[in-house]
Amino acid sequence: MDPHENSRTRRLNSGPTRRAALIGAALTGLGTLAGCLGGGSGGGESMSDPITIESEMQCDNCTMTIGDYPGPAGQSFYEDAAAVLGSGSAGGEGDDQDRPAQFCSSRCTYNFTFENESEQEPEVSYLTDYSAVDYEIDTGGDEPEISRHLDADGFAPATDLTFVVDSEVRGAMGASLIGFSDGDDADSFQEEYGGDRYEHDEINRELIQSLMN
């Protein structure tokens, strides 16, 4: 089936949207989230540039092989990578910890950040920017899936993205947060595939956990 075929009907919500149900909790977390997945530590310091993720790399949150799945990927740079990766990371003993944490999905990126925020927050996190890549929607399976892009130039800081959350389009972990640096692109995607629109600083633990149900 043609991967560009737009044959899916938008999901109709019969009650309050996920966004409406969770926005109150999201707003209460703005102070904490201001630094999470942020765009550097302030003071004019430069950010690390995104890298190309090797397809055989395992996700540092769930250990799935990143290149084997569709959808957005992520990477987070920490000042002390060894402290958050450690011997229990995807690479295990002997893992090169002088690298960003790398993730199979936007969900795993946020989940890892929340789980480690009391110890250390990332200097910057990058997620796939679907305004910057020539993406495809594969409608050949049970649910449409969005293509995976692992080259460095396909990533943008999470703080720069607008997300369409829990649309009909799936990623590596099922329900996904699909980011766009161009708000008009996010609007067009939402009109076609449904879901709720979020800015980065509206995303909190409750939202991520709800996507796992």
N, C-alpha and C. Protein backbone atom coordinates (compact mmCIF):
# COMPACT_ATOMS: atom_id res chain seq x y z
N MET A 1 0.85 -1.18 0.00
CA MET A 1 0.00 0.00 0.00
C MET A 1 0.88 1.23 0.00
N ASP A 2 0.48 2.26 -0.71
CA ASP A 2 1.25 3.48 -0.80
C ASP A 2 1.41 4.11 0.57
N PRO A 3 2.67 4.29 1.07
CA PRO A 3 2.86 4.83 2.41
C PRO A 3 2.40 6.27 2.54
N HIS A 4 2.19 6.97 1.41
CA HIS A 4 1.75 8.35 1.47
C HIS A 4 0.23 8.45 1.46
N GLU A 5 -0.46 7.32 1.36
CA GLU A 5 -1.91 7.36 1.24
C GLU A 5 -2.53 7.84 2.54
N ASN A 6 -3.38 8.85 2.44
CA ASN A 6 -4.04 9.39 3.62
C ASN A 6 -5.48 8.90 3.65
N SER A 7 -5.66 7.67 4.07
CA SER A 7 -6.97 7.06 3.99
C SER A 7 -7.62 6.87 5.34
N ARG A 8 -6.96 7.35 6.38
CA ARG A 8 -7.47 7.14 7.72
C ARG A 8 -8.45 8.25 8.09
N THR A 9 -9.50 7.90 8.81
CA THR A 9 -10.46 8.88 9.29
C THR A 9 -10.04 9.36 10.67
N ARG A 10 -10.16 10.66 10.91
CA ARG A 10 -9.77 11.19 12.21
C ARG A 10 -10.61 10.58 13.32
N ARG A 11 -9.95 10.33 14.46
CA ARG A 11 -10.64 9.81 15.63
C ARG A 11 -11.58 10.87 16.18
N LEU A 12 -12.83 10.49 16.50
CA LEU A 12 -13.79 11.41 17.07
C LEU A 12 -13.85 11.20 18.58
N ASN A 13 -13.73 12.26 19.34
CA ASN A 13 -13.76 12.16 20.79
C ASN A 13 -15.20 12.23 21.28
N SER A 14 -15.60 11.29 22.09
CA SER A 14 -16.95 11.26 22.60
C SER A 14 -17.08 11.96 23.94
N GLY A 15 -15.99 12.40 24.50
CA GLY A 15 -16.02 13.08 25.78
C GLY A 15 -14.86 14.05 25.86
N PRO A 16 -14.51 14.50 27.07
CA PRO A 16 -13.41 15.44 27.23
C PRO A 16 -12.12 14.85 26.68
N THR A 17 -11.31 15.68 26.03
CA THR A 17 -10.06 15.20 25.44
C THR A 17 -9.04 14.91 26.52
N ARG A 18 -8.02 14.12 26.13
CA ARG A 18 -6.91 13.85 27.06
C ARG A 18 -6.28 15.15 27.50
N ARG A 19 -6.16 16.10 26.57
CA ARG A 19 -5.58 17.39 26.91
C ARG A 19 -6.39 18.09 27.99
N ALA A 20 -7.73 18.10 27.83
CA ALA A 20 -8.58 18.76 28.82
C ALA A 20 -8.46 18.10 30.18
N ALA A 21 -8.34 16.77 30.19
CA ALA A 21 -8.27 16.03 31.45
C ALA A 21 -6.96 16.24 32.18
N LEU A 22 -5.90 16.53 31.42
CA LEU A 22 -4.57 16.57 32.01
C LEU A 22 -3.96 17.95 32.10
N ILE A 23 -4.58 18.95 31.45
CA ILE A 23 -3.92 20.25 31.36
C ILE A 23 -3.73 20.89 32.72
N GLY A 24 -4.68 20.65 33.67
CA GLY A 24 -4.52 21.23 35.00
C GLY A 24 -3.28 20.71 35.69
N ALA A 25 -3.08 19.38 35.62
CA ALA A 25 -1.88 18.80 36.23
C ALA A 25 -0.64 19.28 35.52
N ALA A 26 -0.73 19.45 34.20
CA ALA A 26 0.43 19.92 33.45
C ALA A 26 0.83 21.31 33.88
N LEU A 27 -0.14 22.18 34.08
CA LEU A 27 0.18 23.55 34.46
C LEU A 27 0.84 23.62 35.82
N THR A 28 0.47 22.72 36.74
CA THR A 28 1.08 22.74 38.06
C THR A 28 2.54 22.32 38.01
N GLY A 29 2.94 21.66 36.92
CA GLY A 29 4.32 21.21 36.83
C GLY A 29 5.22 22.12 36.04
N LEU A 30 4.75 23.32 35.67
CA LEU A 30 5.54 24.19 34.81
C LEU A 30 6.88 24.57 35.43
N GLY A 31 6.89 24.81 36.76
CA GLY A 31 8.13 25.22 37.38
C GLY A 31 9.19 24.15 37.26
N THR A 32 8.79 22.91 37.53
CA THR A 32 9.73 21.79 37.43
C THR A 32 10.16 21.57 36.00
N LEU A 33 9.20 21.68 35.07
CA LEU A 33 9.49 21.35 33.68
C LEU A 33 10.29 22.42 32.96
N ALA A 34 10.43 23.59 33.55
CA ALA A 34 11.15 24.66 32.87
C ALA A 34 12.56 24.23 32.50
N GLY A 35 13.18 23.38 33.34
CA GLY A 35 14.52 22.93 33.03
C GLY A 35 14.58 21.57 32.37
N CYS A 36 13.53 20.76 32.54
CA CYS A 36 13.55 19.40 31.99
C CYS A 36 13.57 19.41 30.48
N LEU A 37 14.40 18.58 29.89
CA LEU A 37 14.54 18.51 28.44
C LEU A 37 14.83 19.87 27.85
N GLY A 38 15.54 20.71 28.61
CA GLY A 38 15.65 22.11 28.23
C GLY A 38 16.65 22.39 27.14
N GLY A 39 16.78 23.65 26.83
CA GLY A 39 17.65 24.11 25.77
C GLY A 39 18.92 24.70 26.32
N GLY A 40 19.56 24.03 27.24
CA GLY A 40 20.81 24.51 27.79
C GLY A 40 20.60 25.04 29.20
N SER A 41 21.70 25.41 29.86
CA SER A 41 21.64 25.82 31.25
C SER A 41 21.59 27.32 31.42
N GLY A 42 21.42 28.06 30.35
CA GLY A 42 21.29 29.51 30.44
C GLY A 42 22.64 30.18 30.47
N GLY A 43 22.62 31.51 30.65
CA GLY A 43 23.88 32.24 30.75
C GLY A 43 24.62 32.30 29.44
N GLY A 44 23.97 32.01 28.31
CA GLY A 44 24.61 32.11 27.02
C GLY A 44 25.48 30.93 26.67
N GLU A 45 25.48 29.88 27.48
CA GLU A 45 26.31 28.72 27.20
C GLU A 45 25.76 27.99 25.98
N SER A 46 26.66 27.47 25.16
CA SER A 46 26.24 26.78 23.95
C SER A 46 25.81 25.36 24.27
N MET A 47 24.85 24.85 23.48
CA MET A 47 24.36 23.50 23.65
C MET A 47 25.22 22.53 22.85
N SER A 48 25.21 21.27 23.29
CA SER A 48 25.80 20.21 22.47
C SER A 48 24.93 20.01 21.24
N ASP A 49 25.55 19.72 20.12
CA ASP A 49 24.81 19.46 18.90
C ASP A 49 24.28 18.03 18.91
N PRO A 50 23.12 17.79 18.27
CA PRO A 50 22.62 16.41 18.19
C PRO A 50 23.55 15.55 17.36
N ILE A 51 23.53 14.26 17.63
CA ILE A 51 24.33 13.30 16.88
C ILE A 51 23.40 12.43 16.04
N THR A 52 23.98 11.70 15.09
CA THR A 52 23.24 10.67 14.38
C THR A 52 23.20 9.43 15.27
N ILE A 53 22.00 8.91 15.53
CA ILE A 53 21.86 7.72 16.35
C ILE A 53 22.08 6.48 15.50
N GLU A 54 22.96 5.62 15.93
CA GLU A 54 23.19 4.37 15.21
C GLU A 54 21.98 3.45 15.37
N SER A 55 21.57 2.83 14.28
CA SER A 55 20.33 2.06 14.28
C SER A 55 20.36 0.88 15.26
N GLU A 56 21.57 0.36 15.54
CA GLU A 56 21.66 -0.79 16.44
C GLU A 56 21.73 -0.38 17.91
N MET A 57 21.75 0.91 18.19
CA MET A 57 21.80 1.39 19.58
C MET A 57 20.53 0.99 20.32
N GLN A 58 20.70 0.58 21.58
CA GLN A 58 19.55 0.24 22.42
C GLN A 58 19.07 1.45 23.19
N CYS A 59 17.77 1.55 23.36
CA CYS A 59 17.17 2.64 24.11
C CYS A 59 17.64 2.60 25.56
N ASP A 60 18.06 3.74 26.08
CA ASP A 60 18.55 3.81 27.46
C ASP A 60 17.42 3.78 28.48
N ASN A 61 16.19 3.81 28.03
CA ASN A 61 15.07 3.71 28.96
C ASN A 61 14.47 2.30 28.98
N CYS A 62 14.25 1.70 27.79
CA CYS A 62 13.54 0.42 27.74
C CYS A 62 14.34 -0.70 27.11
N THR A 63 15.53 -0.40 26.56
CA THR A 63 16.48 -1.33 25.94
C THR A 63 16.05 -1.85 24.57
N MET A 64 14.95 -1.37 24.00
CA MET A 64 14.59 -1.78 22.64
C MET A 64 15.61 -1.22 21.65
N THR A 65 15.88 -1.97 20.58
CA THR A 65 16.81 -1.53 19.55
C THR A 65 16.17 -0.39 18.76
N ILE A 66 16.81 0.78 18.77
CA ILE A 66 16.18 1.99 18.28
C ILE A 66 15.83 1.90 16.79
N GLY A 67 16.72 1.34 15.99
CA GLY A 67 16.49 1.31 14.55
C GLY A 67 15.43 0.32 14.09
N ASP A 68 14.91 -0.50 15.00
CA ASP A 68 13.95 -1.54 14.62
C ASP A 68 12.50 -1.06 14.64
N TYR A 69 12.27 0.19 15.01
CA TYR A 69 10.90 0.63 15.24
C TYR A 69 10.63 1.96 14.55
N PRO A 70 9.35 2.27 14.32
CA PRO A 70 8.98 3.54 13.68
C PRO A 70 8.89 4.67 14.69
N GLY A 71 8.67 5.88 14.20
CA GLY A 71 8.32 7.00 15.05
C GLY A 71 9.49 7.83 15.54
N PRO A 72 9.17 8.87 16.32
CA PRO A 72 10.20 9.79 16.80
C PRO A 72 11.20 9.10 17.74
N ALA A 73 12.45 9.54 17.65
CA ALA A 73 13.51 9.10 18.55
C ALA A 73 13.99 10.30 19.34
N GLY A 74 14.83 10.05 20.35
CA GLY A 74 15.31 11.15 21.18
C GLY A 74 16.73 10.95 21.68
N GLN A 75 17.33 12.02 22.13
CA GLN A 75 18.67 11.97 22.73
C GLN A 75 18.80 13.12 23.72
N SER A 76 19.44 12.83 24.87
CA SER A 76 19.59 13.81 25.93
C SER A 76 21.05 13.89 26.34
N PHE A 77 21.56 15.12 26.44
CA PHE A 77 22.93 15.36 26.86
C PHE A 77 22.96 15.76 28.33
N TYR A 78 23.78 15.03 29.10
CA TYR A 78 23.93 15.30 30.53
C TYR A 78 25.36 15.75 30.83
N GLU A 79 25.51 16.63 31.80
CA GLU A 79 26.84 17.08 32.18
C GLU A 79 27.67 15.91 32.70
N ASP A 80 27.03 15.04 33.48
CA ASP A 80 27.69 13.84 34.00
C ASP A 80 26.91 12.64 33.49
N ALA A 81 27.20 12.22 32.27
CA ALA A 81 26.45 11.13 31.65
C ALA A 81 26.57 9.84 32.43
N ALA A 82 27.75 9.58 32.99
CA ALA A 82 27.96 8.33 33.72
C ALA A 82 27.03 8.20 34.91
N ALA A 83 26.66 9.33 35.51
CA ALA A 83 25.81 9.29 36.70
C ALA A 83 24.40 8.82 36.38
N VAL A 84 23.91 9.16 35.19
CA VAL A 84 22.55 8.75 34.83
C VAL A 84 22.52 7.47 34.00
N LEU A 85 23.59 7.21 33.25
CA LEU A 85 23.63 5.98 32.45
C LEU A 85 24.10 4.81 33.31
N GLY A 86 25.29 4.93 33.89
CA GLY A 86 25.78 3.91 34.82
C GLY A 86 25.92 2.55 34.17
N SER A 87 26.27 1.57 34.98
CA SER A 87 26.46 0.21 34.47
C SER A 87 25.15 -0.46 34.13
N GLY A 88 24.03 0.13 34.59
CA GLY A 88 22.74 -0.45 34.29
C GLY A 88 22.10 0.09 33.03
N SER A 89 22.83 0.91 32.27
CA SER A 89 22.28 1.47 31.04
C SER A 89 22.19 0.40 29.97
N ALA A 90 21.65 0.79 28.83
CA ALA A 90 21.45 -0.17 27.74
C ALA A 90 22.75 -0.82 27.31
N GLY A 91 23.85 -0.06 27.40
CA GLY A 91 25.12 -0.61 26.98
C GLY A 91 25.74 -1.54 27.99
N GLY A 92 25.32 -1.44 29.26
CA GLY A 92 25.85 -2.30 30.30
C GLY A 92 27.30 -1.99 30.61
N GLU A 93 27.98 -2.95 31.20
CA GLU A 93 29.39 -2.78 31.54
C GLU A 93 30.20 -2.51 30.28
N GLY A 94 31.10 -1.53 30.38
CA GLY A 94 31.95 -1.21 29.25
C GLY A 94 31.31 -0.25 28.28
N ASP A 95 30.07 0.18 28.54
CA ASP A 95 29.40 1.13 27.68
C ASP A 95 30.18 2.44 27.67
N ASP A 96 30.30 3.06 26.49
CA ASP A 96 30.93 4.36 26.38
C ASP A 96 29.95 5.40 26.91
N GLN A 97 30.20 5.90 28.10
CA GLN A 97 29.26 6.82 28.74
C GLN A 97 29.53 8.27 28.38
N ASP A 98 30.53 8.52 27.55
CA ASP A 98 30.77 9.86 27.06
C ASP A 98 29.93 10.07 25.80
N ARG A 99 28.64 10.03 26.00
CA ARG A 99 27.68 10.11 24.89
C ARG A 99 26.35 10.58 25.45
N PRO A 100 25.45 11.04 24.59
CA PRO A 100 24.11 11.35 25.09
C PRO A 100 23.33 10.07 25.39
N ALA A 101 22.38 10.17 26.29
CA ALA A 101 21.40 9.10 26.44
C ALA A 101 20.55 9.09 25.17
N GLN A 102 20.19 7.90 24.71
CA GLN A 102 19.49 7.77 23.43
C GLN A 102 18.25 6.91 23.60
N PHE A 103 17.19 7.27 22.86
CA PHE A 103 15.88 6.71 23.14
C PHE A 103 15.12 6.33 21.87
N CYS A 104 14.30 5.29 22.01
CA CYS A 104 13.53 4.77 20.88
C CYS A 104 12.26 5.58 20.62
N SER A 105 11.89 6.48 21.53
CA SER A 105 10.64 7.20 21.38
C SER A 105 10.66 8.49 22.19
N SER A 106 9.76 9.40 21.86
CA SER A 106 9.60 10.60 22.68
C SER A 106 9.10 10.23 24.06
N ARG A 107 8.24 9.21 24.15
CA ARG A 107 7.76 8.76 25.46
C ARG A 107 8.91 8.33 26.35
N CYS A 108 9.83 7.52 25.81
CA CYS A 108 10.97 7.06 26.61
C CYS A 108 11.87 8.23 26.99
N THR A 109 12.02 9.21 26.10
CA THR A 109 12.85 10.37 26.40
C THR A 109 12.31 11.12 27.60
N TYR A 110 11.01 11.41 27.58
CA TYR A 110 10.40 12.12 28.71
C TYR A 110 10.40 11.26 29.97
N ASN A 111 10.09 9.98 29.83
CA ASN A 111 10.03 9.12 31.01
C ASN A 111 11.39 9.04 31.70
N PHE A 112 12.45 8.89 30.92
CA PHE A 112 13.81 8.83 31.47
C PHE A 112 14.14 10.13 32.20
N THR A 113 13.76 11.25 31.60
CA THR A 113 14.03 12.55 32.22
C THR A 113 13.33 12.68 33.56
N PHE A 114 12.04 12.33 33.59
CA PHE A 114 11.30 12.42 34.85
C PHE A 114 11.87 11.49 35.91
N GLU A 115 12.29 10.29 35.50
CA GLU A 115 12.81 9.33 36.46
C GLU A 115 14.14 9.77 37.06
N ASN A 116 14.89 10.59 36.33
CA ASN A 116 16.23 10.98 36.78
C ASN A 116 16.34 12.45 37.19
N GLU A 117 15.23 13.18 37.15
CA GLU A 117 15.31 14.63 37.36
C GLU A 117 15.77 15.00 38.77
N SER A 118 15.52 14.16 39.77
CA SER A 118 15.96 14.50 41.12
C SER A 118 17.48 14.43 41.24
N GLU A 119 18.11 13.62 40.40
CA GLU A 119 19.57 13.48 40.41
C GLU A 119 20.22 14.46 39.46
N GLN A 120 19.65 14.59 38.26
CA GLN A 120 20.27 15.43 37.25
C GLN A 120 19.28 15.67 36.11
N GLU A 121 19.25 16.89 35.62
CA GLU A 121 18.44 17.21 34.45
C GLU A 121 19.34 17.34 33.23
N PRO A 122 18.85 17.03 32.06
CA PRO A 122 19.69 17.14 30.86
C PRO A 122 20.02 18.59 30.54
N GLU A 123 21.20 18.80 29.99
CA GLU A 123 21.55 20.13 29.50
C GLU A 123 20.67 20.49 28.31
N VAL A 124 20.39 19.51 27.48
CA VAL A 124 19.50 19.68 26.33
C VAL A 124 19.03 18.32 25.89
N SER A 125 17.79 18.25 25.45
CA SER A 125 17.27 17.02 24.83
C SER A 125 16.75 17.35 23.45
N TYR A 126 16.97 16.42 22.54
CA TYR A 126 16.51 16.56 21.17
C TYR A 126 15.52 15.45 20.85
N LEU A 127 14.50 15.80 20.07
CA LEU A 127 13.55 14.83 19.55
C LEU A 127 13.40 15.02 18.05
N THR A 128 12.93 13.99 17.38
CA THR A 128 12.73 14.09 15.94
C THR A 128 11.81 15.26 15.62
N ASP A 129 12.25 16.09 14.69
CA ASP A 129 11.47 17.23 14.23
C ASP A 129 10.86 16.87 12.88
N TYR A 130 9.56 16.59 12.88
CA TYR A 130 8.91 16.15 11.65
C TYR A 130 8.63 17.30 10.67
N SER A 131 8.97 18.53 11.07
CA SER A 131 8.97 19.63 10.11
C SER A 131 10.27 19.66 9.32
N ALA A 132 11.29 18.94 9.79
CA ALA A 132 12.62 18.99 9.17
C ALA A 132 12.94 17.76 8.33
N VAL A 133 12.06 16.78 8.31
CA VAL A 133 12.33 15.54 7.58
C VAL A 133 11.20 15.26 6.59
N ASP A 134 11.51 14.47 5.58
CA ASP A 134 10.52 14.05 4.60
C ASP A 134 9.91 12.74 5.09
N TYR A 135 8.93 12.85 5.96
CA TYR A 135 8.40 11.66 6.61
C TYR A 135 7.31 10.99 5.79
N GLU A 136 7.06 9.73 6.12
CA GLU A 136 6.02 8.95 5.48
C GLU A 136 5.10 8.35 6.55
N ILE A 137 3.86 8.14 6.18
CA ILE A 137 2.91 7.44 7.03
C ILE A 137 2.60 6.10 6.37
N ASP A 138 2.93 5.02 7.05
CA ASP A 138 2.68 3.67 6.54
C ASP A 138 1.31 3.22 7.03
N THR A 139 0.38 3.04 6.10
CA THR A 139 -0.98 2.63 6.46
C THR A 139 -1.22 1.15 6.15
N GLY A 140 -0.15 0.39 5.97
CA GLY A 140 -0.30 -1.01 5.58
C GLY A 140 -0.59 -1.97 6.71
N GLY A 141 -0.48 -1.50 7.95
CA GLY A 141 -0.71 -2.39 9.09
C GLY A 141 -2.04 -2.12 9.76
N ASP A 142 -2.17 -2.62 11.00
CA ASP A 142 -3.40 -2.42 11.76
C ASP A 142 -3.63 -0.94 12.08
N GLU A 143 -2.55 -0.20 12.33
CA GLU A 143 -2.63 1.22 12.62
C GLU A 143 -1.55 1.94 11.82
N PRO A 144 -1.80 3.19 11.41
CA PRO A 144 -0.76 3.93 10.67
C PRO A 144 0.46 4.18 11.55
N GLU A 145 1.64 4.11 10.94
CA GLU A 145 2.90 4.35 11.64
C GLU A 145 3.69 5.42 10.90
N ILE A 146 4.37 6.26 11.66
CA ILE A 146 5.17 7.33 11.08
C ILE A 146 6.63 6.89 11.01
N SER A 147 7.31 7.32 9.95
CA SER A 147 8.67 6.85 9.68
C SER A 147 9.67 7.33 10.73
N ARG A 148 10.77 6.58 10.80
CA ARG A 148 11.85 6.86 11.76
C ARG A 148 12.97 7.60 11.05
N HIS A 149 13.58 8.58 11.74
CA HIS A 149 14.67 9.39 11.17
C HIS A 149 15.73 9.57 12.25
N LEU A 150 16.94 9.05 12.00
CA LEU A 150 17.98 9.03 13.03
C LEU A 150 19.17 9.93 12.71
N ASP A 151 19.18 10.60 11.55
CA ASP A 151 20.28 11.50 11.22
C ASP A 151 20.24 12.74 12.10
N ALA A 152 21.42 13.28 12.39
CA ALA A 152 21.53 14.41 13.31
C ALA A 152 20.68 15.60 12.89
N ASP A 153 20.59 15.86 11.58
CA ASP A 153 19.87 17.05 11.14
C ASP A 153 18.36 16.89 11.20
N GLY A 154 17.88 15.72 11.62
CA GLY A 154 16.45 15.50 11.79
C GLY A 154 15.95 15.76 13.21
N PHE A 155 16.86 16.24 14.09
CA PHE A 155 16.50 16.48 15.49
C PHE A 155 16.44 17.98 15.77
N ALA A 156 15.58 18.34 16.72
CA ALA A 156 15.50 19.72 17.21
C ALA A 156 15.31 19.69 18.72
N PRO A 157 15.69 20.76 19.42
CA PRO A 157 15.47 20.79 20.87
C PRO A 157 13.99 20.58 21.20
N ALA A 158 13.74 19.78 22.23
CA ALA A 158 12.35 19.51 22.62
C ALA A 158 11.60 20.78 22.94
N THR A 159 12.29 21.77 23.47
CA THR A 159 11.65 23.04 23.82
C THR A 159 11.16 23.80 22.61
N ASP A 160 11.66 23.48 21.42
CA ASP A 160 11.29 24.19 20.20
C ASP A 160 10.12 23.53 19.46
N LEU A 161 9.63 22.41 19.99
CA LEU A 161 8.64 21.62 19.26
C LEU A 161 7.24 21.78 19.82
N THR A 162 6.27 21.69 18.91
CA THR A 162 4.86 21.54 19.27
C THR A 162 4.49 20.09 18.99
N PHE A 163 3.83 19.43 19.93
CA PHE A 163 3.58 18.00 19.84
C PHE A 163 2.11 17.70 19.57
N VAL A 164 1.88 16.74 18.67
CA VAL A 164 0.56 16.14 18.51
C VAL A 164 0.62 14.81 19.26
N VAL A 165 -0.21 14.70 20.30
CA VAL A 165 -0.12 13.60 21.25
C VAL A 165 -1.31 12.66 21.11
N ASP A 166 -1.02 11.35 21.09
CA ASP A 166 -2.05 10.31 21.06
C ASP A 166 -2.96 10.43 19.84
N SER A 167 -2.36 10.64 18.68
CA SER A 167 -3.10 10.63 17.43
C SER A 167 -3.32 9.19 16.98
N GLU A 168 -3.91 9.03 15.80
CA GLU A 168 -4.08 7.69 15.24
C GLU A 168 -2.74 7.09 14.81
N VAL A 169 -1.71 7.93 14.65
CA VAL A 169 -0.42 7.48 14.14
C VAL A 169 0.45 6.99 15.29
N ARG A 170 0.98 5.80 15.17
CA ARG A 170 1.75 5.15 16.23
C ARG A 170 3.25 5.33 16.03
N GLY A 171 3.98 5.23 17.14
CA GLY A 171 5.44 5.22 17.12
C GLY A 171 5.94 3.93 17.74
N ALA A 172 7.19 3.93 18.21
CA ALA A 172 7.81 2.72 18.74
C ALA A 172 7.04 2.14 19.93
N MET A 173 6.52 3.01 20.78
CA MET A 173 5.85 2.56 22.00
C MET A 173 4.33 2.67 21.90
N GLY A 174 3.81 2.70 20.68
CA GLY A 174 2.37 2.84 20.49
C GLY A 174 1.99 4.30 20.46
N ALA A 175 1.13 4.72 21.40
CA ALA A 175 0.72 6.13 21.48
C ALA A 175 1.96 7.01 21.59
N SER A 176 1.99 8.08 20.79
CA SER A 176 3.24 8.81 20.64
C SER A 176 3.05 10.31 20.79
N LEU A 177 4.17 11.01 20.98
CA LEU A 177 4.23 12.46 20.97
C LEU A 177 5.05 12.83 19.73
N ILE A 178 4.41 13.36 18.72
CA ILE A 178 5.05 13.63 17.43
C ILE A 178 5.28 15.13 17.32
N GLY A 179 6.56 15.53 17.24
CA GLY A 179 6.93 16.93 17.35
C GLY A 179 7.16 17.63 16.02
N PHE A 180 6.80 18.91 15.98
CA PHE A 180 6.97 19.76 14.80
C PHE A 180 7.51 21.11 15.25
N SER A 181 8.54 21.61 14.57
CA SER A 181 9.04 22.95 14.87
C SER A 181 8.18 24.02 14.25
N ASP A 182 7.38 23.66 13.25
CA ASP A 182 6.46 24.57 12.59
C ASP A 182 5.05 24.28 13.10
N GLY A 183 4.45 25.23 13.79
CA GLY A 183 3.12 25.02 14.35
C GLY A 183 2.07 24.71 13.30
N ASP A 184 2.23 25.27 12.09
CA ASP A 184 1.27 24.98 11.02
C ASP A 184 1.34 23.50 10.61
N ASP A 185 2.55 22.93 10.65
CA ASP A 185 2.68 21.50 10.35
C ASP A 185 1.97 20.67 11.40
N ALA A 186 2.09 21.07 12.66
CA ALA A 186 1.40 20.36 13.74
C ALA A 186 -0.11 20.44 13.55
N ASP A 187 -0.62 21.62 13.17
CA ASP A 187 -2.05 21.78 12.94
C ASP A 187 -2.53 20.87 11.81
N SER A 188 -1.78 20.82 10.72
CA SER A 188 -2.17 19.99 9.57
C SER A 188 -2.19 18.52 9.94
N PHE A 189 -1.18 18.09 10.70
CA PHE A 189 -1.11 16.70 11.13
C PHE A 189 -2.28 16.37 12.04
N GLN A 190 -2.59 17.24 12.97
CA GLN A 190 -3.69 17.00 13.89
C GLN A 190 -5.02 16.94 13.14
N GLU A 191 -5.22 17.80 12.16
CA GLU A 191 -6.45 17.79 11.38
C GLU A 191 -6.62 16.45 10.64
N GLU A 192 -5.52 15.89 10.19
CA GLU A 192 -5.58 14.64 9.42
C GLU A 192 -5.71 13.41 10.32
N TYR A 193 -5.00 13.41 11.46
CA TYR A 193 -4.88 12.18 12.25
C TYR A 193 -5.40 12.30 13.69
N GLY A 194 -5.96 13.43 14.05
CA GLY A 194 -6.49 13.59 15.40
C GLY A 194 -5.41 13.79 16.43
N GLY A 195 -5.74 13.55 17.69
CA GLY A 195 -4.81 13.76 18.80
C GLY A 195 -5.00 15.13 19.42
N ASP A 196 -4.20 15.42 20.42
CA ASP A 196 -4.23 16.69 21.14
C ASP A 196 -2.90 17.40 20.98
N ARG A 197 -2.96 18.71 20.95
CA ARG A 197 -1.76 19.51 20.74
C ARG A 197 -1.20 19.99 22.09
N TYR A 198 0.09 19.81 22.29
CA TYR A 198 0.77 20.23 23.51
C TYR A 198 2.05 20.98 23.15
N GLU A 199 2.38 21.95 23.99
CA GLU A 199 3.71 22.52 23.97
C GLU A 199 4.59 21.73 24.95
N HIS A 200 5.89 21.87 24.79
CA HIS A 200 6.82 21.09 25.62
C HIS A 200 6.56 21.26 27.11
N ASP A 201 6.35 22.51 27.56
CA ASP A 201 6.24 22.73 29.00
C ASP A 201 4.87 22.35 29.56
N GLU A 202 4.00 21.78 28.74
CA GLU A 202 2.73 21.23 29.22
C GLU A 202 2.80 19.72 29.44
N ILE A 203 3.92 19.12 29.12
CA ILE A 203 4.06 17.67 29.22
C ILE A 203 4.58 17.30 30.61
N ASN A 204 3.87 16.41 31.29
CA ASN A 204 4.27 16.01 32.63
C ASN A 204 4.15 14.50 32.80
N ARG A 205 4.46 14.03 34.00
CA ARG A 205 4.44 12.58 34.28
C ARG A 205 3.06 11.97 34.02
N GLU A 206 2.02 12.70 34.42
CA GLU A 206 0.67 12.15 34.29
C GLU A 206 0.33 11.90 32.81
N LEU A 207 0.71 12.81 31.96
CA LEU A 207 0.46 12.62 30.53
C LEU A 207 1.21 11.41 30.00
N ILE A 208 2.49 11.31 30.32
CA ILE A 208 3.30 10.19 29.82
C ILE A 208 2.73 8.87 30.33
N GLN A 209 2.36 8.83 31.61
CA GLN A 209 1.80 7.59 32.16
C GLN A 209 0.48 7.24 31.51
N SER A 210 -0.32 8.25 31.15
CA SER A 210 -1.61 7.97 30.52
C SER A 210 -1.44 7.34 29.14
N LEU A 211 -0.34 7.65 28.47
CA LEU A 211 -0.09 7.09 27.14
C LEU A 211 0.34 5.63 27.21
N MET A 212 0.71 5.18 28.40
CA MET A 212 1.15 3.79 28.57
C MET A 212 -0.02 2.86 28.87
N ASN A 213 -1.20 3.40 29.09
CA ASN A 213 -2.37 2.58 29.44
C ASN A 213 -3.04 2.02 28.19
